[in-house]
C-alpha atoms as a PDB file:
ATOM      1  CA  UNK A   1    -131.970  21.857 121.696  1.00  0.00           C
ATOM      2  CA  UNK A   2    -134.806  19.351 121.885  1.00  0.00           C
ATOM      3  CA  UNK A   3    -133.929  15.732 121.165  1.00  0.00           C
ATOM      4  CA  UNK A   4    -136.349  15.282 118.193  1.00  0.00           C
ATOM      5  CA  UNK A   5    -134.933  18.421 116.568  1.00  0.00           C
ATOM      6  CA  UNK A   6    -131.369  17.187 117.115  1.00  0.00           C
ATOM      7  CA  UNK A   7    -132.193  13.748 115.642  1.00  0.00           C
ATOM      8  CA  UNK A   8    -133.931  15.219 112.629  1.00  0.00           C
ATOM      9  CA  UNK A   9    -130.909  17.450 112.039  1.00  0.00           C
ATOM     10  CA  UNK A  10    -128.544  14.483 112.207  1.00  0.00           C
ATOM     11  CA  UNK A  11    -130.724  12.452 109.835  1.00  0.00           C
ATOM     12  CA  UNK A  12    -130.868  15.356 107.400  1.00  0.00           C
ATOM     13  CA  UNK A  13    -127.083  15.693 107.610  1.00  0.00           C
ATOM     14  CA  UNK A  14    -126.573  11.996 106.847  1.00  0.00           C
ATOM     15  CA  UNK A  15    -128.847  12.169 103.823  1.00  0.00           C
ATOM     16  CA  UNK A  16    -127.042  15.276 102.630  1.00  0.00           C
ATOM     17  CA  UNK A  17    -123.759  13.366 102.729  1.00  0.00           C
ATOM     18  CA  UNK A  18    -125.086  10.340 100.817  1.00  0.00           C
ATOM     19  CA  UNK A  19    -124.504  11.859  97.347  1.00  0.00           C
ATOM     20  CA  UNK A  20    -120.900  12.614  98.325  1.00  0.00           C
ATOM     21  CA  UNK A  21    -120.410   9.011  99.441  1.00  0.00           C
ATOM     22  CA  UNK A  22    -121.907   7.792  96.167  1.00  0.00           C
ATOM     23  CA  UNK A  23    -119.615  10.117  94.200  1.00  0.00           C
ATOM     24  CA  UNK A  24    -116.583   8.929  96.181  1.00  0.00           C
ATOM     25  CA  UNK A  25    -117.385   5.340  95.238  1.00  0.00           C
ATOM     26  CA  UNK A  26    -117.610   6.069  91.519  1.00  0.00           C
ATOM     27  CA  UNK A  27    -114.601   4.724  89.601  1.00  0.00           C
ATOM     28  CA  UNK A  28    -112.158   7.059  87.901  1.00  0.00           C
ATOM     29  CA  UNK A  29    -112.974   6.765  84.194  1.00  0.00           C
ATOM     30  CA  UNK A  30    -110.126   6.816  81.683  1.00  0.00           C
ATOM     31  CA  UNK A  31    -111.123   7.129  78.041  1.00  0.00           C
ATOM     32  CA  UNK A  32    -108.462   5.422  75.909  1.00  0.00           C
ATOM     33  CA  UNK A  33    -108.917   6.215  72.209  1.00  0.00           C
ATOM     34  CA  UNK A  34    -107.070   4.720  69.232  1.00  0.00           C
ATOM     35  CA  UNK A  35    -107.503   4.447  65.459  1.00  0.00           C
ATOM     36  CA  UNK A  36    -106.785   0.788  64.657  1.00  0.00           C
ATOM     37  CA  UNK A  37    -108.858  -2.394  64.939  1.00  0.00           C
ATOM     38  CA  UNK A  38    -109.349  -4.022  68.336  1.00  0.00           C
ATOM     39  CA  UNK A  39    -107.598  -7.222  67.188  1.00  0.00           C
ATOM     40  CA  UNK A  40    -104.316  -5.511  66.215  1.00  0.00           C
ATOM     41  CA  UNK A  41    -101.334  -5.564  68.619  1.00  0.00           C
ATOM     42  CA  UNK A  42    -102.225  -2.059  69.844  1.00  0.00           C
ATOM     43  CA  UNK A  43    -105.907  -2.891  70.158  1.00  0.00           C
ATOM     44  CA  UNK A  44    -105.235  -6.067  72.123  1.00  0.00           C
ATOM     45  CA  UNK A  45    -102.701  -4.328  74.373  1.00  0.00           C
ATOM     46  CA  UNK A  46    -105.166  -1.512  75.119  1.00  0.00           C
ATOM     47  CA  UNK A  47    -107.783  -4.067  76.173  1.00  0.00           C
ATOM     48  CA  UNK A  48    -105.182  -5.858  78.290  1.00  0.00           C
ATOM     49  CA  UNK A  49    -104.288  -2.580  80.004  1.00  0.00           C
ATOM     50  CA  UNK A  50    -107.971  -1.854  80.681  1.00  0.00           C
ATOM     51  CA  UNK A  51    -108.376  -5.263  82.302  1.00  0.00           C
ATOM     52  CA  UNK A  52    -105.226  -5.033  84.446  1.00  0.00           C
ATOM     53  CA  UNK A  53    -105.951  -1.438  85.465  1.00  0.00           C
ATOM     54  CA  UNK A  54    -109.329  -2.508  86.811  1.00  0.00           C
ATOM     55  CA  UNK A  55    -107.824  -5.482  88.627  1.00  0.00           C
ATOM     56  CA  UNK A  56    -104.813  -3.761  90.168  1.00  0.00           C
ATOM     57  CA  UNK A  57    -106.825  -0.746  91.341  1.00  0.00           C
ATOM     58  CA  UNK A  58    -109.588  -3.060  92.636  1.00  0.00           C
ATOM     59  CA  UNK A  59    -112.172  -1.251  90.555  1.00  0.00           C
ATOM     60  CA  UNK A  60    -111.072   2.273  91.451  1.00  0.00           C
ATOM     61  CA  UNK A  61    -110.271   2.865  87.776  1.00  0.00           C
ATOM     62  CA  UNK A  62    -112.383   1.969  84.756  1.00  0.00           C
ATOM     63  CA  UNK A  63    -110.612   2.199  81.401  1.00  0.00           C
ATOM     64  CA  UNK A  64    -112.948   2.579  78.425  1.00  0.00           C
ATOM     65  CA  UNK A  65    -111.234   1.652  75.151  1.00  0.00           C
ATOM     66  CA  UNK A  66    -112.497   3.200  71.901  1.00  0.00           C
ATOM     67  CA  UNK A  67    -111.006   1.414  68.864  1.00  0.00           C
ATOM     68  CA  UNK A  68    -111.095   2.034  65.106  1.00  0.00           C
ATOM     69  CA  UNK A  69    -111.421   5.853  65.257  1.00  0.00           C
ATOM     70  CA  UNK A  70    -114.868   5.546  66.887  1.00  0.00           C
ATOM     71  CA  UNK A  71    -114.116   8.508  69.157  1.00  0.00           C
ATOM     72  CA  UNK A  72    -111.473  10.546  67.306  1.00  0.00           C
ATOM     73  CA  UNK A  73    -109.654  10.233  64.006  1.00  0.00           C
ATOM     74  CA  UNK A  74    -105.915  10.520  63.405  1.00  0.00           C
ATOM     75  CA  UNK A  75    -105.830  14.284  63.119  1.00  0.00           C
ATOM     76  CA  UNK A  76    -108.180  14.950  66.032  1.00  0.00           C
ATOM     77  CA  UNK A  77    -107.004  12.678  68.818  1.00  0.00           C
ATOM     78  CA  UNK A  78    -103.890  14.569  69.946  1.00  0.00           C
ATOM     79  CA  UNK A  79    -105.795  17.830  70.384  1.00  0.00           C
ATOM     80  CA  UNK A  80    -108.563  15.943  72.197  1.00  0.00           C
ATOM     81  CA  UNK A  81    -105.987  14.601  74.661  1.00  0.00           C
ATOM     82  CA  UNK A  82    -104.429  18.011  75.262  1.00  0.00           C
ATOM     83  CA  UNK A  83    -107.894  19.473  75.904  1.00  0.00           C
ATOM     84  CA  UNK A  84    -108.742  16.633  78.296  1.00  0.00           C
ATOM     85  CA  UNK A  85    -111.590  15.223  76.182  1.00  0.00           C
ATOM     86  CA  UNK A  86    -109.796  11.856  76.403  1.00  0.00           C
ATOM     87  CA  UNK A  87    -107.265  10.822  79.010  1.00  0.00           C
ATOM     88  CA  UNK A  88    -105.099   8.309  77.120  1.00  0.00           C
ATOM     89  CA  UNK A  89    -103.933   7.607  73.576  1.00  0.00           C
ATOM     90  CA  UNK A  90    -101.363   5.412  71.887  1.00  0.00           C
ATOM     91  CA  UNK A  91    -100.523   7.385  68.724  1.00  0.00           C
ATOM     92  CA  UNK A  92     -97.977   6.154  66.243  1.00  0.00           C
ATOM     93  CA  UNK A  93     -94.585   7.746  66.774  1.00  0.00           C
ATOM     94  CA  UNK A  94     -94.933   9.734  63.544  1.00  0.00           C
ATOM     95  CA  UNK A  95     -97.584  11.896  65.261  1.00  0.00           C
ATOM     96  CA  UNK A  96     -95.108  13.633  67.560  1.00  0.00           C
ATOM     97  CA  UNK A  97     -93.208  15.516  64.860  1.00  0.00           C
ATOM     98  CA  UNK A  98     -96.296  17.579  63.946  1.00  0.00           C
ATOM     99  CA  UNK A  99     -96.819  18.116  67.701  1.00  0.00           C
ATOM    100  CA  UNK A 100     -93.457  19.883  67.737  1.00  0.00           C
ATOM    101  CA  UNK A 101     -91.231  17.146  69.159  1.00  0.00           C
ATOM    102  CA  UNK A 102     -89.191  16.437  66.047  1.00  0.00           C
ATOM    103  CA  UNK A 103     -86.822  14.053  67.822  1.00  0.00           C
ATOM    104  CA  UNK A 104     -89.487  11.343  67.594  1.00  0.00           C
ATOM    105  CA  UNK A 105     -89.079  11.376  63.823  1.00  0.00           C
ATOM    106  CA  UNK A 106     -85.968   9.237  64.227  1.00  0.00           C
ATOM    107  CA  UNK A 107     -88.362   6.255  64.400  1.00  0.00           C
ATOM    108  CA  UNK A 108     -89.550   7.031  60.850  1.00  0.00           C
ATOM    109  CA  UNK A 109     -86.063   6.765  59.375  1.00  0.00           C
ATOM    110  CA  UNK A 110     -85.764   3.821  56.979  1.00  0.00           C
ATOM    111  CA  UNK A 111     -83.776   0.786  58.156  1.00  0.00           C
ATOM    112  CA  UNK A 112     -82.610   2.501  61.357  1.00  0.00           C
ATOM    113  CA  UNK A 113     -83.546  -0.732  63.181  1.00  0.00           C
ATOM    114  CA  UNK A 114     -82.898  -4.137  61.647  1.00  0.00           C
ATOM    115  CA  UNK A 115     -84.725  -6.098  64.320  1.00  0.00           C
ATOM    116  CA  UNK A 116     -86.555  -5.884  67.641  1.00  0.00           C
ATOM    117  CA  UNK A 117     -83.365  -6.347  69.664  1.00  0.00           C
ATOM    118  CA  UNK A 118     -81.844  -3.164  68.200  1.00  0.00           C
ATOM    119  CA  UNK A 119     -85.146  -1.336  68.570  1.00  0.00           C
ATOM    120  CA  UNK A 120     -85.606  -2.206  72.246  1.00  0.00           C
ATOM    121  CA  UNK A 121     -82.115  -0.951  73.106  1.00  0.00           C
ATOM    122  CA  UNK A 122     -83.528   2.462  72.222  1.00  0.00           C
ATOM    123  CA  UNK A 123     -87.193   2.325  73.288  1.00  0.00           C
ATOM    124  CA  UNK A 124     -86.504   0.540  76.580  1.00  0.00           C
ATOM    125  CA  UNK A 125     -83.279   2.371  77.407  1.00  0.00           C
ATOM    126  CA  UNK A 126     -82.209   5.900  78.395  1.00  0.00           C
ATOM    127  CA  UNK A 127     -82.831   7.313  74.900  1.00  0.00           C
ATOM    128  CA  UNK A 128     -86.463   6.221  75.014  1.00  0.00           C
ATOM    129  CA  UNK A 129     -87.004   7.708  78.466  1.00  0.00           C
ATOM    130  CA  UNK A 130     -85.439  11.028  77.465  1.00  0.00           C
ATOM    131  CA  UNK A 131     -87.752  11.206  74.445  1.00  0.00           C
ATOM    132  CA  UNK A 132     -90.872  10.640  76.557  1.00  0.00           C
ATOM    133  CA  UNK A 133     -89.761  13.463  78.886  1.00  0.00           C
ATOM    134  CA  UNK A 134     -89.745  15.855  75.923  1.00  0.00           C
ATOM    135  CA  UNK A 135     -93.549  15.536  75.692  1.00  0.00           C
ATOM    136  CA  UNK A 136     -94.208  17.153  79.071  1.00  0.00           C
ATOM    137  CA  UNK A 137     -94.086  20.804  77.891  1.00  0.00           C
ATOM    138  CA  UNK A 138     -96.915  19.873  75.497  1.00  0.00           C
ATOM    139  CA  UNK A 139     -99.155  18.852  78.404  1.00  0.00           C
ATOM    140  CA  UNK A 140     -98.523  15.181  77.704  1.00  0.00           C
ATOM    141  CA  UNK A 141     -97.128  12.461  79.972  1.00  0.00           C
ATOM    142  CA  UNK A 142     -95.305   9.680  78.127  1.00  0.00           C
ATOM    143  CA  UNK A 143     -95.887   6.287  79.716  1.00  0.00           C
ATOM    144  CA  UNK A 144     -94.389   3.623  77.431  1.00  0.00           C
ATOM    145  CA  UNK A 145     -93.461   2.531  73.929  1.00  0.00           C
ATOM    146  CA  UNK A 146     -95.495  -0.254  72.326  1.00  0.00           C
ATOM    147  CA  UNK A 147     -94.406  -2.169  69.240  1.00  0.00           C
ATOM    148  CA  UNK A 148     -96.506  -2.828  66.201  1.00  0.00           C
ATOM    149  CA  UNK A 149     -94.002  -4.066  63.682  1.00  0.00           C
ATOM    150  CA  UNK A 150     -91.880  -3.399  60.661  1.00  0.00           C
ATOM    151  CA  UNK A 151     -93.538  -1.855  57.620  1.00  0.00           C
ATOM    152  CA  UNK A 152     -93.612  -3.257  54.111  1.00  0.00           C
ATOM    153  CA  UNK A 153     -94.716  -1.739  50.814  1.00  0.00           C
ATOM    154  CA  UNK A 154     -97.842  -2.829  48.958  1.00  0.00           C
ATOM    155  CA  UNK A 155     -99.175  -1.858  45.523  1.00  0.00           C
ATOM    156  CA  UNK A 156    -101.123  -3.277  42.601  1.00  0.00           C
ATOM    157  CA  UNK A 157     -97.952  -3.985  40.635  1.00  0.00           C
ATOM    158  CA  UNK A 158     -95.007  -6.219  41.658  1.00  0.00           C
ATOM    159  CA  UNK A 159     -92.343  -4.727  43.959  1.00  0.00           C
ATOM    160  CA  UNK A 160     -88.840  -6.170  43.931  1.00  0.00           C
ATOM    161  CA  UNK A 161     -86.568  -3.165  43.513  1.00  0.00           C
ATOM    162  CA  UNK A 162     -86.838   0.536  44.436  1.00  0.00           C
ATOM    163  CA  UNK A 163     -87.480   1.435  40.779  1.00  0.00           C
ATOM    164  CA  UNK A 164     -90.745  -0.537  40.920  1.00  0.00           C
ATOM    165  CA  UNK A 165     -92.263   2.228  43.067  1.00  0.00           C
ATOM    166  CA  UNK A 166     -91.266   5.072  40.760  1.00  0.00           C
ATOM    167  CA  UNK A 167     -94.202   7.401  40.097  1.00  0.00           C
ATOM    168  CA  UNK A 168     -96.547   5.554  42.458  1.00  0.00           C
ATOM    169  CA  UNK A 169     -98.811   7.533  44.776  1.00  0.00           C
ATOM    170  CA  UNK A 170     -98.108   6.045  48.208  1.00  0.00           C
ATOM    171  CA  UNK A 171    -100.115   6.812  51.332  1.00  0.00           C
ATOM    172  CA  UNK A 172     -98.120   7.831  54.387  1.00  0.00           C
ATOM    173  CA  UNK A 173     -98.746   9.337  57.788  1.00  0.00           C
ATOM    174  CA  UNK A 174     -98.003  13.017  58.257  1.00  0.00           C
ATOM    175  CA  UNK A 175     -94.217  12.999  58.642  1.00  0.00           C
ATOM    176  CA  UNK A 176     -91.460  14.997  56.958  1.00  0.00           C
ATOM    177  CA  UNK A 177     -89.201  11.949  57.198  1.00  0.00           C
ATOM    178  CA  UNK A 178     -91.737   9.680  55.503  1.00  0.00           C
ATOM    179  CA  UNK A 179     -92.279  12.276  52.786  1.00  0.00           C
ATOM    180  CA  UNK A 180     -88.532  12.282  52.138  1.00  0.00           C
ATOM    181  CA  UNK A 181     -88.483   8.458  52.192  1.00  0.00           C
ATOM    182  CA  UNK A 182     -91.118   8.226  49.451  1.00  0.00           C
ATOM    183  CA  UNK A 183     -89.406  10.888  47.357  1.00  0.00           C
ATOM    184  CA  UNK A 184     -86.103   8.997  47.655  1.00  0.00           C
ATOM    185  CA  UNK A 185     -87.882   6.165  45.818  1.00  0.00           C
ATOM    186  CA  UNK A 186     -89.065   8.611  43.110  1.00  0.00           C
ATOM    187  CA  UNK A 187     -92.634   8.006  44.285  1.00  0.00           C
ATOM    188  CA  UNK A 188     -95.301  10.513  45.337  1.00  0.00           C
ATOM    189  CA  UNK A 189     -96.139  10.817  49.073  1.00  0.00           C
ATOM    190  CA  UNK A 190     -99.827  11.179  49.911  1.00  0.00           C
ATOM    191  CA  UNK A 191    -100.640  12.120  53.518  1.00  0.00           C
ATOM    192  CA  UNK A 192    -103.955  10.599  54.570  1.00  0.00           C
ATOM    193  CA  UNK A 193    -105.835   9.561  57.723  1.00  0.00           C
ATOM    194  CA  UNK A 194    -105.597   5.846  58.466  1.00  0.00           C
ATOM    195  CA  UNK A 195    -109.375   5.415  58.424  1.00  0.00           C
ATOM    196  CA  UNK A 196    -109.499   6.648  54.802  1.00  0.00           C
ATOM    197  CA  UNK A 197    -106.818   4.364  53.347  1.00  0.00           C
ATOM    198  CA  UNK A 198    -108.925   1.369  52.291  1.00  0.00           C
ATOM    199  CA  UNK A 199    -111.289   3.464  50.194  1.00  0.00           C
ATOM    200  CA  UNK A 200    -108.409   5.444  48.686  1.00  0.00           C
ATOM    201  CA  UNK A 201    -106.730   2.201  47.614  1.00  0.00           C
ATOM    202  CA  UNK A 202    -110.015   0.809  46.337  1.00  0.00           C
ATOM    203  CA  UNK A 203    -110.777   3.858  44.198  1.00  0.00           C
ATOM    204  CA  UNK A 204    -107.204   4.424  42.985  1.00  0.00           C
ATOM    205  CA  UNK A 205    -106.754   7.746  44.777  1.00  0.00           C
ATOM    206  CA  UNK A 206    -103.485   6.169  45.935  1.00  0.00           C
ATOM    207  CA  UNK A 207    -101.609   3.265  44.344  1.00  0.00           C
ATOM    208  CA  UNK A 208    -100.099   1.724  47.445  1.00  0.00           C
ATOM    209  CA  UNK A 209     -99.000   2.175  51.007  1.00  0.00           C
ATOM    210  CA  UNK A 210     -96.637   1.026  53.764  1.00  0.00           C
ATOM    211  CA  UNK A 211     -97.885  -0.924  56.755  1.00  0.00           C
ATOM    212  CA  UNK A 212     -96.998  -3.582  59.273  1.00  0.00           C
ATOM    213  CA  UNK A 213     -98.773  -6.765  58.194  1.00  0.00           C
ATOM    214  CA  UNK A 214    -101.238  -6.652  61.094  1.00  0.00           C
ATOM    215  CA  UNK A 215    -102.622  -3.307  59.884  1.00  0.00           C
ATOM    216  CA  UNK A 216    -102.786  -4.445  56.259  1.00  0.00           C
ATOM    217  CA  UNK A 217    -104.685  -7.573  57.287  1.00  0.00           C
ATOM    218  CA  UNK A 218    -107.097  -6.205  59.898  1.00  0.00           C
ATOM    219  CA  UNK A 219    -108.066  -3.268  57.666  1.00  0.00           C
ATOM    220  CA  UNK A 220    -108.595  -5.735  54.770  1.00  0.00           C
ATOM    221  CA  UNK A 221    -106.189  -3.828  52.527  1.00  0.00           C
ATOM    222  CA  UNK A 222    -105.263  -7.197  50.985  1.00  0.00           C
ATOM    223  CA  UNK A 223    -108.618  -6.964  49.162  1.00  0.00           C
ATOM    224  CA  UNK A 224    -107.426  -3.882  47.265  1.00  0.00           C
ATOM    225  CA  UNK A 225    -103.661  -4.521  46.975  1.00  0.00           C
ATOM    226  CA  UNK A 226    -102.428  -7.211  44.603  1.00  0.00           C
ATOM    227  CA  UNK A 227     -98.786  -7.201  45.679  1.00  0.00           C
ATOM    228  CA  UNK A 228     -96.916  -7.007  48.981  1.00  0.00           C
ATOM    229  CA  UNK A 229     -93.118  -6.907  49.204  1.00  0.00           C
ATOM    230  CA  UNK A 230     -91.598  -7.756  52.576  1.00  0.00           C
ATOM    231  CA  UNK A 231     -89.245  -4.781  52.537  1.00  0.00           C
ATOM    232  CA  UNK A 232     -89.448  -4.278  56.339  1.00  0.00           C
ATOM    233  CA  UNK A 233     -87.936  -0.885  55.646  1.00  0.00           C
ATOM    234  CA  UNK A 234     -89.372   1.046  58.571  1.00  0.00           C
ATOM    235  CA  UNK A 235     -90.702   0.644  62.057  1.00  0.00           C
ATOM    236  CA  UNK A 236     -94.195   1.467  63.243  1.00  0.00           C
ATOM    237  CA  UNK A 237     -94.621   1.775  66.966  1.00  0.00           C
ATOM    238  CA  UNK A 238     -96.640   3.751  69.446  1.00  0.00           C
ATOM    239  CA  UNK A 239     -96.103   5.910  72.493  1.00  0.00           C
ATOM    240  CA  UNK A 240     -98.745   5.410  75.153  1.00  0.00           C
ATOM    241  CA  UNK A 241     -99.494   8.853  76.518  1.00  0.00           C
ATOM    242  CA  UNK A 242    -101.807  10.534  79.010  1.00  0.00           C
ATOM    243  CA  UNK A 243    -103.090  14.028  79.614  1.00  0.00           C
ATOM    244  CA  UNK A 244    -100.409  15.371  81.984  1.00  0.00           C
ATOM    245  CA  UNK A 245    -102.752  17.318  84.261  1.00  0.00           C
ATOM    246  CA  UNK A 246    -105.075  14.321  84.613  1.00  0.00           C
ATOM    247  CA  UNK A 247    -102.249  11.828  85.217  1.00  0.00           C
ATOM    248  CA  UNK A 248    -100.506  13.953  87.826  1.00  0.00           C
ATOM    249  CA  UNK A 249    -103.831  14.622  89.540  1.00  0.00           C
ATOM    250  CA  UNK A 250    -104.439  10.926  90.231  1.00  0.00           C
ATOM    251  CA  UNK A 251    -103.945   9.687  93.800  1.00  0.00           C
ATOM    252  CA  UNK A 252    -100.367   8.454  94.210  1.00  0.00           C
ATOM    253  CA  UNK A 253    -101.416   4.880  95.017  1.00  0.00           C
ATOM    254  CA  UNK A 254    -103.686   4.692  91.961  1.00  0.00           C
ATOM    255  CA  UNK A 255    -100.974   6.112  89.701  1.00  0.00           C
ATOM    256  CA  UNK A 256     -98.553   3.489  91.017  1.00  0.00           C
ATOM    257  CA  UNK A 257    -101.053   0.723  90.284  1.00  0.00           C
ATOM    258  CA  UNK A 258    -101.608   2.068  86.766  1.00  0.00           C
ATOM    259  CA  UNK A 259     -97.834   2.241  86.227  1.00  0.00           C
ATOM    260  CA  UNK A 260     -97.671  -1.454  87.162  1.00  0.00           C
ATOM    261  CA  UNK A 261    -100.528  -2.234  84.776  1.00  0.00           C
ATOM    262  CA  UNK A 262     -98.712  -0.308  82.018  1.00  0.00           C
ATOM    263  CA  UNK A 263     -95.480  -2.229  82.613  1.00  0.00           C
ATOM    264  CA  UNK A 264     -97.328  -5.531  82.253  1.00  0.00           C
ATOM    265  CA  UNK A 265     -99.209  -4.252  79.196  1.00  0.00           C
ATOM    266  CA  UNK A 266     -95.983  -3.152  77.501  1.00  0.00           C
ATOM    267  CA  UNK A 267     -94.445  -6.600  77.922  1.00  0.00           C
ATOM    268  CA  UNK A 268     -97.658  -8.102  76.551  1.00  0.00           C
ATOM    269  CA  UNK A 269     -97.866  -5.625  73.638  1.00  0.00           C
ATOM    270  CA  UNK A 270     -94.301  -6.256  72.520  1.00  0.00           C
ATOM    271  CA  UNK A 271     -94.691 -10.034  72.816  1.00  0.00           C
ATOM    272  CA  UNK A 272     -97.810 -10.212  70.694  1.00  0.00           C
ATOM    273  CA  UNK A 273     -96.672  -7.671  68.093  1.00  0.00           C
ATOM    274  CA  UNK A 274     -94.337 -10.078  66.303  1.00  0.00           C
ATOM    275  CA  UNK A 275     -96.647 -13.056  66.861  1.00  0.00           C
ATOM    276  CA  UNK A 276     -99.617 -11.167  65.415  1.00  0.00           C
ATOM    277  CA  UNK A 277     -97.719  -9.923  62.372  1.00  0.00           C
ATOM    278  CA  UNK A 278     -96.420 -13.427  61.632  1.00  0.00           C
ATOM    279  CA  UNK A 279     -99.917 -14.869  62.030  1.00  0.00           C
ATOM    280  CA  UNK A 280    -101.509 -12.170  59.870  1.00  0.00           C
ATOM    281  CA  UNK A 281     -98.891 -12.646  57.141  1.00  0.00           C
ATOM    282  CA  UNK A 282     -99.967 -16.299  56.842  1.00  0.00           C
ATOM    283  CA  UNK A 283    -103.594 -15.148  56.777  1.00  0.00           C
ATOM    284  CA  UNK A 284    -102.859 -12.694  53.939  1.00  0.00           C
ATOM    285  CA  UNK A 285    -101.164 -15.466  51.957  1.00  0.00           C
ATOM    286  CA  UNK A 286    -104.147 -17.778  52.460  1.00  0.00           C
ATOM    287  CA  UNK A 287    -106.572 -15.225  50.996  1.00  0.00           C
ATOM    288  CA  UNK A 288    -104.829 -15.565  47.646  1.00  0.00           C
ATOM    289  CA  UNK A 289    -105.737 -11.942  46.891  1.00  0.00           C
ATOM    290  CA  UNK A 290    -102.294 -10.463  47.530  1.00  0.00           C
ATOM    291  CA  UNK A 291     -99.080 -11.960  46.183  1.00  0.00           C
ATOM    292  CA  UNK A 292     -96.443 -11.819  48.913  1.00  0.00           C
ATOM    293  CA  UNK A 293     -92.829 -11.450  47.842  1.00  0.00           C
ATOM    294  CA  UNK A 294     -89.812 -11.950  50.115  1.00  0.00           C
ATOM    295  CA  UNK A 295     -86.887  -9.821  48.971  1.00  0.00           C
ATOM    296  CA  UNK A 296     -83.529 -11.439  48.284  1.00  0.00           C
ATOM    297  CA  UNK A 297     -80.569 -10.076  50.313  1.00  0.00           C
ATOM    298  CA  UNK A 298     -79.455  -8.185  47.198  1.00  0.00           C
ATOM    299  CA  UNK A 299     -82.873  -6.592  46.694  1.00  0.00           C
ATOM    300  CA  UNK A 300     -83.090  -5.603  50.360  1.00  0.00           C
ATOM    301  CA  UNK A 301     -79.650  -4.017  50.085  1.00  0.00           C
ATOM    302  CA  UNK A 302     -80.829  -2.047  47.050  1.00  0.00           C
ATOM    303  CA  UNK A 303     -83.676  -0.582  49.128  1.00  0.00           C
ATOM    304  CA  UNK A 304     -81.267   0.207  51.960  1.00  0.00           C
ATOM    305  CA  UNK A 305     -78.927   2.002  49.585  1.00  0.00           C
ATOM    306  CA  UNK A 306     -81.752   3.963  47.950  1.00  0.00           C
ATOM    307  CA  UNK A 307     -83.136   5.091  51.312  1.00  0.00           C
ATOM    308  CA  UNK A 308     -79.908   5.801  53.223  1.00  0.00           C
ATOM    309  CA  UNK A 309     -79.707   9.455  52.003  1.00  0.00           C
ATOM    310  CA  UNK A 310     -82.913  10.165  53.971  1.00  0.00           C
ATOM    311  CA  UNK A 311     -80.867   9.900  57.188  1.00  0.00           C
ATOM    312  CA  UNK A 312     -78.434  12.594  56.114  1.00  0.00           C
ATOM    313  CA  UNK A 313     -81.183  14.904  54.849  1.00  0.00           C
ATOM    314  CA  UNK A 314     -83.101  14.645  58.129  1.00  0.00           C
ATOM    315  CA  UNK A 315     -80.052  14.920  60.410  1.00  0.00           C
ATOM    316  CA  UNK A 316     -80.423  18.646  61.105  1.00  0.00           C
ATOM    317  CA  UNK A 317     -84.173  18.280  61.718  1.00  0.00           C
ATOM    318  CA  UNK A 318     -83.981  15.398  64.195  1.00  0.00           C
ATOM    319  CA  UNK A 319     -80.624  16.221  65.772  1.00  0.00           C
ATOM    320  CA  UNK A 320     -77.191  14.905  64.867  1.00  0.00           C
ATOM    321  CA  UNK A 321     -76.218  14.081  68.450  1.00  0.00           C
ATOM    322  CA  UNK A 322     -79.406  12.091  69.047  1.00  0.00           C
ATOM    323  CA  UNK A 323     -78.984  10.136  65.824  1.00  0.00           C
ATOM    324  CA  UNK A 324     -75.366   9.336  66.619  1.00  0.00           C
ATOM    325  CA  UNK A 325     -76.425   7.951  70.002  1.00  0.00           C
ATOM    326  CA  UNK A 326     -79.004   5.724  68.266  1.00  0.00           C
ATOM    327  CA  UNK A 327     -76.494   4.522  65.655  1.00  0.00           C
ATOM    328  CA  UNK A 328     -74.144   3.636  68.506  1.00  0.00           C
ATOM    329  CA  UNK A 329     -76.858   1.387  69.979  1.00  0.00           C
ATOM    330  CA  UNK A 330     -77.920  -0.216  66.696  1.00  0.00           C
ATOM    331  CA  UNK A 331     -74.736  -0.292  64.640  1.00  0.00           C
ATOM    332  CA  UNK A 332     -76.387   1.360  61.626  1.00  0.00           C
ATOM    333  CA  UNK A 333     -74.186   3.509  59.396  1.00  0.00           C
ATOM    334  CA  UNK A 334     -76.057   5.604  56.817  1.00  0.00           C
ATOM    335  CA  UNK A 335     -72.824   6.241  54.940  1.00  0.00           C
ATOM    336  CA  UNK A 336     -72.346   2.510  54.510  1.00  0.00           C
ATOM    337  CA  UNK A 337     -75.801   0.878  54.760  1.00  0.00           C
END
């Protein structure tokens, strides 16, 4: 072969490889979709994860966070993840019952956790890990639990006792447990996407709702709810999840770096959750638009007593053995709330 021909062939080969080199240098893009505001505990934690993922992988991974249902709404996001249209989500724990993993509905049970210490015994212990494993047959990899906070009831009339919610149309997430909770208060459960709640409250389609304070504040629900009772009757948290095929297809070193970023993000998420809710509660009070009422111990006990039967009704659905293991960790007794 003549030298010029050989050189031209080598040059052509190099140029042919250039696109492959360029492709190899492109970062792995992870679309992380969620339905709440960017300045909520979940929103802030997602941004923190995006930042740490980029740093720990030295730019090999780029996490794009889509807040406030800009990419997918409540009802769409889980299917989008399973189809691979997005790679990561952090849905509220109530979303996993409709997915077919009913054990997650234990988190919807009223007063099952009295505080974060009891909660973390479950979410950060063996029970939490076993629950995340149950997602794998659905094509989902469970990565972590993130806190938001404890939910309280709001409405346009004062709330001090369970009877004050009788007949009220209350918005809830899609959850059989939450439906039973609202019925136990002689109220009417209304399943609705989170992005639609403000308008529904504004127009009177629903009378009230249950939310951690950070959600009530960042979604400006205080503008359309005159009363908030600090019932703290239920927990709202999230499971950070990934498309299983995508996650397992990542290079082992990258997956390890992302696991480290997730561990840091979980510690950050759980730290700011309480801080943010406390801060937002003060902000709600300062608006003067919503009257905030702190229940007396007797009033809180009345709510506990009214809602305790929900545990027994849901026992066969969630699993008696699982619930007993949770009660052992938390000390809750539905027969003697």
